[in-house]
C-alpha atoms as a PDB file:
ATOM      1  CA  MET A   1     185.399 -18.733 -98.375  1.00  0.00           C
ATOM      2  CA  ARG A   2     182.397 -20.740 -98.373  1.00  0.00           C
ATOM      3  CA  ASP A   3     183.517 -22.267-102.312  1.00  0.00           C
ATOM      4  CA  LEU A   4     186.875 -23.038-100.784  1.00  0.00           C
ATOM      5  CA  ALA A   5     185.696 -25.002 -97.976  1.00  0.00           C
ATOM      6  CA  VAL A   6     183.038 -26.948-100.030  1.00  0.00           C
ATOM      7  CA  GLY A   7     185.735 -27.551-102.955  1.00  0.00           C
ATOM      8  CA  ILE A   8     187.592 -29.272-100.079  1.00  0.00           C
ATOM      9  CA  LEU A   9     185.262 -30.951 -98.995  1.00  0.00           C
ATOM     10  CA  ARG A  10     184.619 -32.826-102.144  1.00  0.00           C
ATOM     11  CA  ARG A  11     188.124 -34.019-102.209  1.00  0.00           C
ATOM     12  CA  VAL A  12     188.646 -35.386 -98.650  1.00  0.00           C
ATOM     13  CA  ILE A  13     185.347 -36.755 -97.322  1.00  0.00           C
ATOM     14  CA  PRO A  14     185.467 -39.635 -99.959  1.00  0.00           C
ATOM     15  CA  GLY A  15     187.210 -42.788 -97.750  1.00  0.00           C
ATOM     16  CA  MET A  16     186.982 -40.912 -94.302  1.00  0.00           C
ATOM     17  CA  PHE A  17     183.369 -40.611 -93.447  1.00  0.00           C
ATOM     18  CA  PRO A  18     181.095 -43.725 -92.794  1.00  0.00           C
ATOM     19  CA  LEU A  19     179.546 -44.518 -96.405  1.00  0.00           C
ATOM     20  CA  PRO A  20     175.940 -43.489 -95.661  1.00  0.00           C
ATOM     21  CA  LEU A  21     176.999 -40.269 -94.273  1.00  0.00           C
ATOM     22  CA  ARG A  22     179.421 -39.578 -96.458  1.00  0.00           C
ATOM     23  CA  TRP A  23     176.978 -39.875 -99.658  1.00  0.00           C
ATOM     24  CA  ARG A  24     174.109 -37.719 -97.173  1.00  0.00           C
ATOM     25  CA  VAL A  25     176.765 -34.897 -97.210  1.00  0.00           C
ATOM     26  CA  LEU A  26     178.146 -35.277-100.402  1.00  0.00           C
ATOM     27  CA  LEU A  27     174.415 -35.731-101.902  1.00  0.00           C
ATOM     28  CA  GLY A  28     172.459 -33.875 -99.616  1.00  0.00           C
ATOM     29  CA  SER A  29     173.639 -31.289 -97.601  1.00  0.00           C
ATOM     30  CA  ILE A  30     176.608 -29.905 -99.585  1.00  0.00           C
ATOM     31  CA  ARG A  31     174.789 -27.011-100.710  1.00  0.00           C
ATOM     32  CA  ASP A  32     174.256 -26.145 -96.701  1.00  0.00           C
ATOM     33  CA  HIS A  33     176.526 -24.053 -94.879  1.00  0.00           C
ATOM     34  CA  LYS A  34     176.155 -26.155 -92.020  1.00  0.00           C
ATOM     35  CA  VAL A  35     178.829 -28.305 -93.848  1.00  0.00           C
ATOM     36  CA  ALA A  36     181.443 -26.160 -94.123  1.00  0.00           C
ATOM     37  CA  TYR A  37     180.952 -24.495 -90.552  1.00  0.00           C
ATOM     38  CA  GLU A  38     179.771 -27.286 -88.567  1.00  0.00           C
ATOM     39  CA  ILE A  39     180.241 -30.874 -89.771  1.00  0.00           C
ATOM     40  CA  PHE A  40     183.579 -30.418 -91.510  1.00  0.00           C
ATOM     41  CA  PRO A  41     185.384 -28.768 -88.756  1.00  0.00           C
ATOM     42  CA  ARG A  42     184.449 -31.224 -85.914  1.00  0.00           C
ATOM     43  CA  TRP A  43     185.525 -34.190 -88.547  1.00  0.00           C
ATOM     44  CA  TRP A  44     188.890 -32.749 -89.092  1.00  0.00           C
ATOM     45  CA  PHE A  45     189.598 -32.249 -85.518  1.00  0.00           C
ATOM     46  CA  LEU A  46     188.644 -36.058 -85.252  1.00  0.00           C
ATOM     47  CA  TYR A  47     190.933 -36.842 -88.119  1.00  0.00           C
ATOM     48  CA  LYS A  48     193.790 -35.590 -86.129  1.00  0.00           C
ATOM     49  CA  ALA A  49     192.690 -36.516 -82.389  1.00  0.00           C
ATOM     50  CA  TYR A  50     192.636 -40.488 -83.524  1.00  0.00           C
ATOM     51  CA  GLU A  51     195.828 -39.925 -85.557  1.00  0.00           C
ATOM     52  CA  ALA A  52     197.457 -38.736 -82.688  1.00  0.00           C
ATOM     53  CA  LEU A  53     196.077 -40.947 -80.143  1.00  0.00           C
ATOM     54  CA  SER A  54     197.011 -43.959 -82.672  1.00  0.00           C
ATOM     55  CA  VAL A  55     200.520 -43.001 -83.317  1.00  0.00           C
ATOM     56  CA  ASN A  56     201.078 -42.603 -79.346  1.00  0.00           C
ATOM     57  CA  GLY A  57     199.854 -45.833 -78.288  1.00  0.00           C
ATOM     58  CA  ILE A  58     196.705 -44.562 -76.291  1.00  0.00           C
ATOM     59  CA  THR A  59     193.884 -46.512 -76.413  1.00  0.00           C
ATOM     60  CA  GLY A  60     190.645 -46.556 -74.706  1.00  0.00           C
ATOM     61  CA  ASP A  61     186.910 -45.955 -75.281  1.00  0.00           C
ATOM     62  CA  TYR A  62     185.141 -42.866 -76.890  1.00  0.00           C
ATOM     63  CA  LEU A  63     182.847 -41.366 -74.510  1.00  0.00           C
ATOM     64  CA  GLU A  64     180.371 -37.997 -75.892  1.00  0.00           C
ATOM     65  CA  PHE A  65     178.285 -36.313 -74.000  1.00  0.00           C
ATOM     66  CA  GLY A  66     175.609 -34.455 -76.145  1.00  0.00           C
ATOM     67  CA  CYS A  67     174.384 -36.344 -78.959  1.00  0.00           C
ATOM     68  CA  HIS A  68     171.820 -34.457 -80.541  1.00  0.00           C
ATOM     69  CA  GLY A  69     171.608 -35.403 -84.495  1.00  0.00           C
ATOM     70  CA  ALA A  70     174.125 -38.691 -83.998  1.00  0.00           C
ATOM     71  CA  GLY A  71     176.415 -36.200 -86.207  1.00  0.00           C
ATOM     72  CA  THR A  72     179.774 -35.908 -84.160  1.00  0.00           C
ATOM     73  CA  PHE A  73     179.287 -39.462 -82.529  1.00  0.00           C
ATOM     74  CA  SER A  74     179.098 -41.064 -86.166  1.00  0.00           C
ATOM     75  CA  LEU A  75     182.040 -38.954 -87.044  1.00  0.00           C
ATOM     76  CA  ALA A  76     184.374 -40.615 -84.495  1.00  0.00           C
ATOM     77  CA  TYR A  77     183.091 -43.797 -85.547  1.00  0.00           C
ATOM     78  CA  GLY A  78     183.909 -43.382 -88.821  1.00  0.00           C
ATOM     79  CA  GLU A  79     187.699 -42.251 -87.558  1.00  0.00           C
ATOM     80  CA  ILE A  80     187.927 -45.756 -85.338  1.00  0.00           C
ATOM     81  CA  ARG A  81     187.093 -47.759 -87.875  1.00  0.00           C
ATOM     82  CA  ARG A  82     189.048 -46.279 -90.330  1.00  0.00           C
ATOM     83  CA  ARG A  83     192.213 -47.085 -88.156  1.00  0.00           C
ATOM     84  CA  GLY A  84     191.190 -50.726 -87.120  1.00  0.00           C
ATOM     85  CA  ARG A  85     190.920 -49.514 -83.526  1.00  0.00           C
ATOM     86  CA  THR A  86     188.299 -51.722 -81.376  1.00  0.00           C
ATOM     87  CA  ASP A  87     187.416 -48.534 -79.164  1.00  0.00           C
ATOM     88  CA  HIS A  88     183.962 -48.515 -77.713  1.00  0.00           C
ATOM     89  CA  LEU A  89     181.667 -45.577 -78.720  1.00  0.00           C
ATOM     90  CA  TRP A  90     179.718 -44.628 -75.477  1.00  0.00           C
ATOM     91  CA  ALA A  91     176.337 -41.821 -76.496  1.00  0.00           C
ATOM     92  CA  PHE A  92     175.562 -40.163 -72.836  1.00  0.00           C
ATOM     93  CA  ASP A  93     172.341 -37.392 -73.341  1.00  0.00           C
ATOM     94  CA  SER A  94     169.059 -36.928 -71.907  1.00  0.00           C
ATOM     95  CA  PHE A  95     167.181 -37.228 -74.809  1.00  0.00           C
ATOM     96  CA  ALA A  96     165.105 -34.899 -73.859  1.00  0.00           C
ATOM     97  CA  GLY A  97     167.096 -31.622 -74.867  1.00  0.00           C
ATOM     98  CA  LEU A  98     168.532 -29.307 -72.641  1.00  0.00           C
ATOM     99  CA  PRO A  99     167.535 -29.058 -68.588  1.00  0.00           C
ATOM    100  CA  GLU A 100     165.358 -26.998 -66.857  1.00  0.00           C
ATOM    101  CA  THR A 101     167.907 -24.813 -64.706  1.00  0.00           C
ATOM    102  CA  THR A 102     168.309 -21.912 -62.144  1.00  0.00           C
ATOM    103  CA  HIS A 103     172.111 -21.604 -61.944  1.00  0.00           C
ATOM    104  CA  ALA A 104     173.706 -18.178 -62.815  1.00  0.00           C
ATOM    105  CA  ARG A 105     176.959 -20.162 -64.252  1.00  0.00           C
ATOM    106  CA  ASP A 106     174.339 -21.654 -66.931  1.00  0.00           C
ATOM    107  CA  GLU A 107     173.132 -18.206 -68.586  1.00  0.00           C
ATOM    108  CA  HIS A 108     173.096 -18.159 -72.055  1.00  0.00           C
ATOM    109  CA  PRO A 109     170.958 -16.656 -74.985  1.00  0.00           C
ATOM    110  CA  ARG A 110     171.054 -19.621 -76.788  1.00  0.00           C
ATOM    111  CA  TRP A 111     170.515 -22.461 -73.581  1.00  0.00           C
ATOM    112  CA  VAL A 112     166.754 -22.903 -73.457  1.00  0.00           C
ATOM    113  CA  PRO A 113     165.560 -25.785 -71.647  1.00  0.00           C
ATOM    114  CA  GLY A 114     163.882 -28.483 -74.130  1.00  0.00           C
ATOM    115  CA  THR A 115     166.422 -27.314 -76.862  1.00  0.00           C
ATOM    116  CA  TRP A 116     167.972 -30.479 -79.173  1.00  0.00           C
ATOM    117  CA  ALA A 117     166.006 -32.466 -78.008  1.00  0.00           C
ATOM    118  CA  MET A 118     165.987 -35.941 -79.871  1.00  0.00           C
ATOM    119  CA  THR A 119     164.494 -39.209 -78.279  1.00  0.00           C
ATOM    120  CA  LEU A 120     166.596 -42.501 -77.634  1.00  0.00           C
ATOM    121  CA  ASP A 121     164.907 -44.524 -80.730  1.00  0.00           C
ATOM    122  CA  GLU A 122     165.887 -41.102 -83.090  1.00  0.00           C
ATOM    123  CA  PHE A 123     168.811 -41.597 -82.579  1.00  0.00           C
ATOM    124  CA  HIS A 124     169.733 -45.370 -82.878  1.00  0.00           C
ATOM    125  CA  ARG A 125     167.650 -44.837 -86.076  1.00  0.00           C
ATOM    126  CA  GLN A 126     169.894 -41.915 -87.443  1.00  0.00           C
ATOM    127  CA  CYS A 127     172.955 -44.022 -86.335  1.00  0.00           C
ATOM    128  CA  SER A 128     171.560 -46.769 -88.009  1.00  0.00           C
ATOM    129  CA  GLN A 129     171.705 -44.309 -91.367  1.00  0.00           C
ATOM    130  CA  ASN A 130     175.175 -43.442 -90.656  1.00  0.00           C
ATOM    131  CA  GLY A 131     176.309 -47.246 -90.848  1.00  0.00           C
ATOM    132  CA  LEU A 132     176.945 -47.675 -87.589  1.00  0.00           C
ATOM    133  CA  ASP A 133     177.384 -50.997 -86.247  1.00  0.00           C
ATOM    134  CA  PRO A 134     175.155 -51.546 -82.967  1.00  0.00           C
ATOM    135  CA  GLN A 135     177.315 -54.013 -81.122  1.00  0.00           C
ATOM    136  CA  ARG A 136     180.058 -51.192 -81.020  1.00  0.00           C
ATOM    137  CA  TYR A 137     178.025 -48.196 -79.376  1.00  0.00           C
ATOM    138  CA  THR A 138     176.649 -48.181 -75.705  1.00  0.00           C
ATOM    139  CA  ALA A 139     173.686 -45.483 -75.153  1.00  0.00           C
ATOM    140  CA  VAL A 140     173.077 -44.222 -71.954  1.00  0.00           C
ATOM    141  CA  GLU A 141     169.309 -42.156 -71.302  1.00  0.00           C
ATOM    142  CA  GLY A 142     169.105 -39.473 -68.096  1.00  0.00           C
ATOM    143  CA  PHE A 143     169.955 -36.288 -67.152  1.00  0.00           C
ATOM    144  CA  TYR A 144     173.181 -36.458 -66.481  1.00  0.00           C
ATOM    145  CA  SER A 145     172.621 -35.305 -62.331  1.00  0.00           C
ATOM    146  CA  ASP A 146     170.706 -39.121 -62.168  1.00  0.00           C
ATOM    147  CA  SER A 147     172.150 -41.325 -64.983  1.00  0.00           C
ATOM    148  CA  LEU A 148     175.736 -40.903 -64.407  1.00  0.00           C
ATOM    149  CA  GLU A 149     175.375 -41.668 -60.764  1.00  0.00           C
ATOM    150  CA  ALA A 150     172.974 -44.556 -61.297  1.00  0.00           C
ATOM    151  CA  LEU A 151     175.367 -46.526 -63.298  1.00  0.00           C
ATOM    152  CA  ASP A 152     176.779 -49.793 -62.479  1.00  0.00           C
ATOM    153  CA  ASP A 153     180.672 -49.375 -61.841  1.00  0.00           C
ATOM    154  CA  SER A 154     180.793 -52.623 -63.626  1.00  0.00           C
ATOM    155  CA  ALA A 155     179.085 -51.936 -66.885  1.00  0.00           C
ATOM    156  CA  VAL A 156     180.825 -48.104 -67.633  1.00  0.00           C
ATOM    157  CA  PRO A 157     184.275 -47.082 -69.088  1.00  0.00           C
ATOM    158  CA  THR A 158     186.798 -47.267 -67.099  1.00  0.00           C
ATOM    159  CA  ASP A 159     189.754 -46.560 -69.653  1.00  0.00           C
ATOM    160  CA  VAL A 160     188.877 -43.541 -72.171  1.00  0.00           C
ATOM    161  CA  ALA A 161     190.629 -42.139 -75.080  1.00  0.00           C
ATOM    162  CA  LEU A 162     188.759 -39.284 -76.311  1.00  0.00           C
ATOM    163  CA  ALA A 163     185.661 -37.679 -73.946  1.00  0.00           C
ATOM    164  CA  TYR A 164     183.903 -35.361 -76.035  1.00  0.00           C
ATOM    165  CA  ILE A 165     181.580 -32.654 -73.942  1.00  0.00           C
ATOM    166  CA  ASP A 166     178.833 -31.139 -75.647  1.00  0.00           C
ATOM    167  CA  CYS A 167     176.535 -30.469 -73.140  1.00  0.00           C
ATOM    168  CA  ASP A 168     176.494 -26.677 -73.144  1.00  0.00           C
ATOM    169  CA  LEU A 169     175.645 -25.608 -69.300  1.00  0.00           C
ATOM    170  CA  TYR A 170     177.902 -25.354 -66.577  1.00  0.00           C
ATOM    171  CA  THR A 171     175.957 -27.461 -63.993  1.00  0.00           C
ATOM    172  CA  SER A 172     175.861 -30.236 -66.878  1.00  0.00           C
ATOM    173  CA  THR A 173     179.694 -30.084 -67.742  1.00  0.00           C
ATOM    174  CA  ASP A 174     180.387 -29.792 -64.085  1.00  0.00           C
ATOM    175  CA  ASP A 175     178.411 -33.202 -63.530  1.00  0.00           C
ATOM    176  CA  VAL A 176     180.481 -34.649 -66.016  1.00  0.00           C
ATOM    177  CA  LEU A 177     183.857 -33.946 -65.212  1.00  0.00           C
ATOM    178  CA  ARG A 178     182.998 -35.230 -61.703  1.00  0.00           C
ATOM    179  CA  PHE A 179     182.275 -38.467 -63.668  1.00  0.00           C
ATOM    180  CA  LEU A 180     185.104 -38.271 -65.534  1.00  0.00           C
ATOM    181  CA  GLN A 181     187.737 -37.345 -62.702  1.00  0.00           C
ATOM    182  CA  PRO A 182     189.085 -40.968 -61.894  1.00  0.00           C
ATOM    183  CA  ARG A 183     188.964 -42.170 -65.264  1.00  0.00           C
ATOM    184  CA  LEU A 184     191.358 -39.587 -66.532  1.00  0.00           C
ATOM    185  CA  LYS A 185     194.755 -40.904 -67.196  1.00  0.00           C
ATOM    186  CA  HIS A 186     197.921 -39.282 -69.166  1.00  0.00           C
ATOM    187  CA  GLY A 187     197.791 -38.973 -73.179  1.00  0.00           C
ATOM    188  CA  MET A 188     193.624 -38.818 -73.386  1.00  0.00           C
ATOM    189  CA  ILE A 189     191.861 -35.792 -74.966  1.00  0.00           C
ATOM    190  CA  LEU A 190     189.379 -33.868 -73.595  1.00  0.00           C
ATOM    191  CA  ALA A 191     187.380 -31.806 -76.095  1.00  0.00           C
ATOM    192  CA  PHE A 192     184.812 -28.869 -75.330  1.00  0.00           C
ATOM    193  CA  ASP A 193     182.250 -28.314 -78.081  1.00  0.00           C
ATOM    194  CA  ASP A 194     181.209 -25.102 -76.344  1.00  0.00           C
ATOM    195  CA  TYR A 195     184.348 -23.979 -74.157  1.00  0.00           C
ATOM    196  CA  PHE A 196     184.096 -20.051 -76.245  1.00  0.00           C
ATOM    197  CA  CYS A 197     180.351 -19.801 -75.274  1.00  0.00           C
ATOM    198  CA  TRP A 198     179.462 -18.232 -72.089  1.00  0.00           C
ATOM    199  CA  SER A 199     177.229 -15.114 -70.691  1.00  0.00           C
ATOM    200  CA  GLY A 200     178.115 -11.763 -71.462  1.00  0.00           C
ATOM    201  CA  SER A 201     178.501 -10.727 -67.968  1.00  0.00           C
ATOM    202  CA  GLN A 202     180.578 -13.499 -66.486  1.00  0.00           C
ATOM    203  CA  VAL A 203     182.696 -16.642 -67.565  1.00  0.00           C
ATOM    204  CA  ALA A 204     180.364 -19.487 -67.698  1.00  0.00           C
ATOM    205  CA  GLY A 205     179.506 -23.214 -69.142  1.00  0.00           C
ATOM    206  CA  GLU A 206     181.810 -25.332 -70.059  1.00  0.00           C
ATOM    207  CA  ARG A 207     184.747 -23.363 -69.726  1.00  0.00           C
ATOM    208  CA  LEU A 208     184.389 -22.645 -66.480  1.00  0.00           C
ATOM    209  CA  ALA A 209     183.782 -25.946 -65.188  1.00  0.00           C
ATOM    210  CA  ALA A 210     186.660 -27.036 -67.224  1.00  0.00           C
ATOM    211  CA  HIS A 211     188.675 -24.041 -65.106  1.00  0.00           C
ATOM    212  CA  GLU A 212     187.459 -25.207 -61.433  1.00  0.00           C
ATOM    213  CA  HIS A 213     188.153 -28.737 -62.159  1.00  0.00           C
ATOM    214  CA  PHE A 214     191.957 -28.062 -63.710  1.00  0.00           C
ATOM    215  CA  PRO A 215     193.544 -26.196 -61.154  1.00  0.00           C
ATOM    216  CA  ALA A 216     197.220 -25.061 -61.810  1.00  0.00           C
ATOM    217  CA  ASP A 217     198.228 -26.340 -58.414  1.00  0.00           C
ATOM    218  CA  GLY A 218     196.423 -30.087 -59.544  1.00  0.00           C
ATOM    219  CA  ARG A 219     197.444 -33.343 -60.389  1.00  0.00           C
ATOM    220  CA  TRP A 220     196.304 -32.438 -64.495  1.00  0.00           C
ATOM    221  CA  ASN A 221     197.531 -30.376 -67.144  1.00  0.00           C
ATOM    222  CA  LEU A 222     195.750 -29.421 -69.758  1.00  0.00           C
ATOM    223  CA  VAL A 223     197.845 -28.686 -73.008  1.00  0.00           C
ATOM    224  CA  PRO A 224     195.955 -27.051 -75.118  1.00  0.00           C
ATOM    225  CA  TYR A 225     195.524 -29.298 -78.355  1.00  0.00           C
ATOM    226  CA  THR A 226     193.971 -27.960 -81.001  1.00  0.00           C
ATOM    227  CA  GLY A 227     190.265 -26.146 -81.849  1.00  0.00           C
ATOM    228  CA  PHE A 228     187.777 -26.688 -83.707  1.00  0.00           C
ATOM    229  CA  GLY A 229     184.833 -24.387 -85.597  1.00  0.00           C
ATOM    230  CA  TRP A 230     184.686 -21.060 -83.738  1.00  0.00           C
ATOM    231  CA  HIS A 231     183.230 -22.669 -80.680  1.00  0.00           C
ATOM    232  CA  GLY A 232     185.283 -25.307 -79.820  1.00  0.00           C
ATOM    233  CA  MET A 233     188.758 -26.232 -78.030  1.00  0.00           C
ATOM    234  CA  SER A 234     190.306 -29.930 -76.986  1.00  0.00           C
ATOM    235  CA  PHE A 235     192.976 -30.366 -74.586  1.00  0.00           C
ATOM    236  CA  PHE A 236     195.469 -33.641 -74.060  1.00  0.00           C
ATOM    237  CA  LEU A 237     195.652 -34.651 -70.629  1.00  0.00           C
ATOM    238  CA  GLU A 238     199.275 -34.578 -69.099  1.00  0.00           C
ATOM    239  CA  ASP A 239     200.065 -36.016 -65.442  1.00  0.00           C
ATOM    240  CA  ARG A 240     202.561 -33.770 -63.904  1.00  0.00           C
ATOM    241  CA  GLU A 241     203.496 -36.828 -61.764  1.00  0.00           C
ATOM    242  CA  LEU A 242     205.383 -37.636 -64.916  1.00  0.00           C
ATOM    243  CA  ILE A 243     207.245 -34.620 -65.394  1.00  0.00           C
ATOM    244  CA  PRO A 244     210.880 -35.014 -64.228  1.00  0.00           C
END
């Protein structure tokens, strides 16, 4: 299975990723199972998502919540640029790792405070190495409970095509979905990187937050689109008011 995945990567990566990231994948990390089982599924999802958004005429920015490593962020930039889109990219992260939390709905054996820390300078440096134009993206630093509420309405994205939520915790996802609520629109895509990560004793994390914010009797339908890896799931947003 791994040999098959690596073989596919060798054929499809050229022309798809930003050039520096392409060579890093091909020459540096091709022996690492992380390429086959983490990077490739995320890229394949973003490739399909931006194909669908472009064909459907859905415009708007790319918002990513949880940007450790700048890998997914760089892949999104590559797909946006490859299609000639002008979307701006937004990186929202504490840049200090996961926050301290005592909420039961955040329970998970891997969600340890401080995990996946990456300074803002390191993030910018990684973006530069991956060939991102610094004028095409904005990084917003801080834990979501503080940073999202403090944003000036005139300086935040109002038109969103794809929101990629990779913040693991229920409480963080809840903050993000509250921020996104007035920015939701028909045809956009919501992607949850850890949708299938939950506690062994209860529904928790991103899946529970999504379930609470999009009730069956609400305005928005979460139309299942495509999964990625063993952990992620994406949805198109459908406005029930437009259904005859």
